[in-house]
């Protein structure tokens, strides 16, 4: 049952307890108990809306770096990167590159400015670097838990594709930020936060999805 809950909730955390209970043939209280346990055991780390920033006029880049420095220097670099608003994520690995970052920037000049700041502050430990522009991304919703009667490939989600420049008003920005922080937040709580009716919140979420700004959860 836990595996089925995880499969159903992974890309649709806004699925209701009632829908989960029906799909898993369990009571709503049992579903709530199991989800709380999965959260406490850190199997579920959180719920987030994956926002496609290219729909909002941002180009996407990856910067690969080979780092040679002490643990303190590497941690200082990572902490510096975390504080940069353009940095979307940080990846550590072994091999040709041991640190990579995903960046969103409105212009190539904005990306160059960030790269220059990184080199000014940490150039002494960066042996080499390369960057690329990301053209698109595909995420495959695989049935890793091998749930009975579920196909291997359930859905394919694509984003970070064509560059667009859609605009969001202040309420949409607050809504997207709230969903990004906790995509299981209830419509009632969202309505209270945004000072809107529940129907208005539903319509705004629907529009974010139709415009593919909120690509997946």
Protein backbone atom coordinates (compact mmCIF):
# COMPACT_ATOMS: atom_id res chain seq x y z
CA UNK A 1 0.00 0.00 0.00
CA UNK A 2 2.86 2.41 0.78
CA UNK A 3 4.35 1.85 -2.67
CA UNK A 4 1.01 2.55 -4.33
CA UNK A 5 0.55 5.74 -2.32
CA UNK A 6 4.04 6.92 -3.35
CA UNK A 7 3.36 6.08 -7.01
CA UNK A 8 0.06 7.99 -7.00
CA UNK A 9 1.35 10.99 -5.06
CA UNK A 10 4.75 11.42 -6.72
CA UNK A 11 3.66 13.63 -9.63
CA UNK A 12 0.24 14.55 -8.27
CA UNK A 13 0.58 15.54 -4.61
CA UNK A 14 -2.70 17.46 -4.85
CA UNK A 15 -4.55 14.16 -5.10
CA UNK A 16 -7.10 14.05 -2.26
CA UNK A 17 -7.18 11.62 0.65
CA UNK A 18 -10.53 10.42 -0.70
CA UNK A 19 -9.04 9.62 -4.12
CA UNK A 20 -6.06 7.84 -2.53
CA UNK A 21 -8.34 5.86 -0.23
CA UNK A 22 -10.45 4.68 -3.17
CA UNK A 23 -7.40 3.73 -5.27
CA UNK A 24 -5.71 1.86 -2.40
CA UNK A 25 -8.90 0.32 -0.94
CA UNK A 26 -8.15 1.86 2.45
CA UNK A 27 -9.89 4.34 4.73
CA UNK A 28 -9.00 8.04 4.62
CA UNK A 29 -7.66 7.84 8.19
CA UNK A 30 -5.36 4.99 7.18
CA UNK A 31 -4.10 7.00 4.20
CA UNK A 32 -3.41 10.00 6.46
CA UNK A 33 -1.56 7.78 8.95
CA UNK A 34 0.59 6.18 6.24
CA UNK A 35 1.48 9.52 4.63
CA UNK A 36 2.42 10.99 8.04
CA UNK A 37 4.64 7.98 8.69
CA UNK A 38 6.31 8.30 5.26
CA UNK A 39 6.97 11.97 6.02
CA UNK A 40 8.38 11.22 9.49
CA UNK A 41 10.65 8.54 8.03
CA UNK A 42 11.92 11.10 5.45
CA UNK A 43 10.80 8.95 2.52
CA UNK A 44 8.56 11.86 1.52
CA UNK A 45 10.70 14.98 1.92
CA UNK A 46 8.12 17.53 0.79
CA UNK A 47 5.72 18.56 -1.95
CA UNK A 48 6.60 21.16 -4.55
CA UNK A 49 5.31 22.64 -7.78
CA UNK A 50 8.00 22.44 -10.47
CA UNK A 51 7.83 25.87 -12.13
CA UNK A 52 8.95 26.21 -15.75
CA UNK A 53 10.88 29.48 -15.60
CA UNK A 54 11.50 29.44 -19.36
CA UNK A 55 7.79 30.22 -19.78
CA UNK A 56 8.51 33.43 -17.87
CA UNK A 57 11.28 34.58 -20.18
CA UNK A 58 14.31 33.00 -18.49
CA UNK A 59 16.96 31.09 -20.42
CA UNK A 60 18.28 27.96 -18.70
CA UNK A 61 21.97 27.13 -18.35
CA UNK A 62 24.16 24.54 -16.71
CA UNK A 63 27.62 25.47 -15.50
CA UNK A 64 30.01 22.56 -14.90
CA UNK A 65 33.06 23.13 -12.71
CA UNK A 66 36.09 21.12 -11.65
CA UNK A 67 36.90 22.12 -8.08
CA UNK A 68 40.18 21.62 -6.23
CA UNK A 69 39.95 23.00 -2.71
CA UNK A 70 39.48 22.15 0.92
CA UNK A 71 36.15 20.99 2.30
CA UNK A 72 35.70 24.42 3.90
CA UNK A 73 36.28 26.15 0.54
CA UNK A 74 33.83 23.86 -1.27
CA UNK A 75 31.20 24.43 1.40
CA UNK A 76 31.75 28.18 1.19
CA UNK A 77 31.24 28.02 -2.59
CA UNK A 78 28.04 25.99 -2.23
CA UNK A 79 26.71 28.37 0.42
CA UNK A 80 27.49 31.32 -1.86
CA UNK A 81 25.66 29.65 -4.76
CA UNK A 82 22.61 28.90 -2.59
CA UNK A 83 22.20 32.61 -1.92
CA UNK A 84 22.21 33.60 -5.62
CA UNK A 85 18.66 34.14 -6.88
CA UNK A 86 19.52 32.85 -10.37
CA UNK A 87 20.83 29.50 -9.14
CA UNK A 88 18.10 26.86 -9.35
CA UNK A 89 19.96 23.76 -8.16
CA UNK A 90 23.40 22.37 -7.29
CA UNK A 91 24.72 18.92 -8.24
CA UNK A 92 27.79 17.23 -6.77
CA UNK A 93 29.43 14.28 -8.50
CA UNK A 94 32.69 12.51 -9.20
CA UNK A 95 34.36 12.34 -12.61
CA UNK A 96 35.31 15.04 -15.09
CA UNK A 97 33.20 17.60 -13.19
CA UNK A 98 32.50 17.56 -9.48
CA UNK A 99 30.12 20.50 -9.20
CA UNK A 100 27.37 21.63 -11.55
CA UNK A 101 24.69 24.28 -11.15
CA UNK A 102 21.46 24.95 -13.04
CA UNK A 103 20.90 28.66 -13.63
CA UNK A 104 18.00 30.75 -14.95
CA UNK A 105 18.77 34.19 -16.39
CA UNK A 106 16.82 36.66 -18.50
CA UNK A 107 19.81 37.38 -20.74
CA UNK A 108 23.21 35.89 -21.54
CA UNK A 109 24.73 39.02 -20.00
CA UNK A 110 22.97 38.21 -16.71
CA UNK A 111 24.44 34.71 -16.81
CA UNK A 112 27.92 36.12 -17.57
CA UNK A 113 27.61 38.50 -14.62
CA UNK A 114 26.92 35.60 -12.25
CA UNK A 115 29.75 33.53 -13.74
CA UNK A 116 32.16 36.44 -13.29
CA UNK A 117 31.09 36.88 -9.66
CA UNK A 118 31.74 33.19 -9.01
CA UNK A 119 35.21 33.46 -10.57
CA UNK A 120 36.03 36.64 -8.65
CA UNK A 121 35.18 35.01 -5.33
CA UNK A 122 36.24 31.38 -5.93
CA UNK A 123 38.46 31.38 -9.03
CA UNK A 124 41.41 30.07 -6.98
CA UNK A 125 39.70 26.68 -6.47
CA UNK A 126 38.00 26.38 -9.90
CA UNK A 127 40.39 24.44 -12.14
CA UNK A 128 38.14 24.43 -15.23
CA UNK A 129 34.58 25.15 -16.23
CA UNK A 130 32.15 24.61 -19.10
CA UNK A 131 28.61 25.78 -19.66
CA UNK A 132 25.72 24.71 -21.84
CA UNK A 133 22.26 26.01 -22.62
CA UNK A 134 19.50 23.55 -21.80
CA UNK A 135 17.13 23.01 -24.72
CA UNK A 136 14.50 20.86 -23.04
CA UNK A 137 14.01 18.31 -20.28
CA UNK A 138 11.96 15.12 -20.16
CA UNK A 139 11.00 13.38 -16.94
CA UNK A 140 9.60 9.87 -17.22
CA UNK A 141 7.09 8.80 -14.62
CA UNK A 142 8.32 5.25 -14.26
CA UNK A 143 6.66 2.53 -12.24
CA UNK A 144 9.75 1.94 -10.10
CA UNK A 145 7.73 0.14 -7.46
CA UNK A 146 6.32 -2.32 -10.03
CA UNK A 147 2.74 -1.83 -8.92
CA UNK A 148 0.50 -4.53 -10.36
CA UNK A 149 -1.45 -3.54 -13.50
CA UNK A 150 0.61 -0.38 -13.95
CA UNK A 151 2.68 0.04 -17.14
CA UNK A 152 6.41 0.69 -16.98
CA UNK A 153 6.05 4.18 -18.46
CA UNK A 154 3.03 6.09 -17.18
CA UNK A 155 3.63 9.63 -18.45
CA UNK A 156 6.33 11.85 -19.93
CA UNK A 157 6.65 15.41 -18.67
CA UNK A 158 8.52 17.95 -20.80
CA UNK A 159 9.60 21.45 -19.83
CA UNK A 160 12.41 24.02 -20.23
CA UNK A 161 11.67 23.93 -23.97
CA UNK A 162 10.71 26.94 -26.08
CA UNK A 163 11.50 30.32 -24.53
CA UNK A 164 8.36 32.37 -23.88
CA UNK A 165 7.63 35.51 -21.89
CA UNK A 166 4.32 35.06 -20.14
CA UNK A 167 3.50 37.55 -17.40
CA UNK A 168 2.22 36.83 -13.92
CA UNK A 169 0.41 39.33 -11.75
CA UNK A 170 1.30 39.63 -8.07
CA UNK A 171 -1.40 37.16 -7.00
CA UNK A 172 -0.20 34.52 -9.47
CA UNK A 173 3.35 35.00 -8.20
CA UNK A 174 2.20 34.47 -4.60
CA UNK A 175 0.20 31.41 -5.69
CA UNK A 176 3.14 29.88 -7.57
CA UNK A 177 5.42 30.53 -4.57
CA UNK A 178 2.93 28.89 -2.19
CA UNK A 179 2.58 25.82 -4.44
CA UNK A 180 6.35 25.66 -4.79
CA UNK A 181 6.72 25.60 -1.00
CA UNK A 182 3.92 23.11 -0.36
CA UNK A 183 1.90 21.82 -3.29
CA UNK A 184 -0.43 19.88 -0.96
CA UNK A 185 -1.66 23.09 0.65
CA UNK A 186 -5.45 23.13 0.70
CA UNK A 187 -7.60 25.40 -1.45
CA UNK A 188 -9.08 26.84 1.73
CA UNK A 189 -5.64 27.86 3.04
CA UNK A 190 -4.65 29.25 -0.36
CA UNK A 191 -7.87 31.26 -0.54
CA UNK A 192 -7.17 32.74 2.90
CA UNK A 193 -3.56 33.58 2.03
CA UNK A 194 -4.47 35.22 -1.28
CA UNK A 195 -7.74 36.77 -0.04
CA UNK A 196 -9.65 35.15 -2.91
CA UNK A 197 -12.56 32.78 -3.23
CA UNK A 198 -11.87 29.07 -3.57
CA UNK A 199 -13.23 29.15 -7.15
CA UNK A 200 -10.86 32.01 -8.02
CA UNK A 201 -7.91 30.01 -6.66
CA UNK A 202 -8.99 26.94 -8.65
CA UNK A 203 -9.17 29.02 -11.85
CA UNK A 204 -5.73 30.52 -11.27
CA UNK A 205 -4.17 27.09 -10.64
CA UNK A 206 -5.87 25.81 -13.79
CA UNK A 207 -4.46 28.74 -15.80
CA UNK A 208 -0.92 28.14 -14.46
CA UNK A 209 -1.22 24.52 -15.57
CA UNK A 210 -2.72 25.34 -19.00
CA UNK A 211 0.12 27.81 -19.63
CA UNK A 212 2.54 25.09 -18.44
CA UNK A 213 4.13 27.48 -15.96
CA UNK A 214 3.51 24.89 -13.29
CA UNK A 215 4.81 21.99 -15.34
CA UNK A 216 4.55 19.15 -12.83
CA UNK A 217 4.27 18.67 -9.08
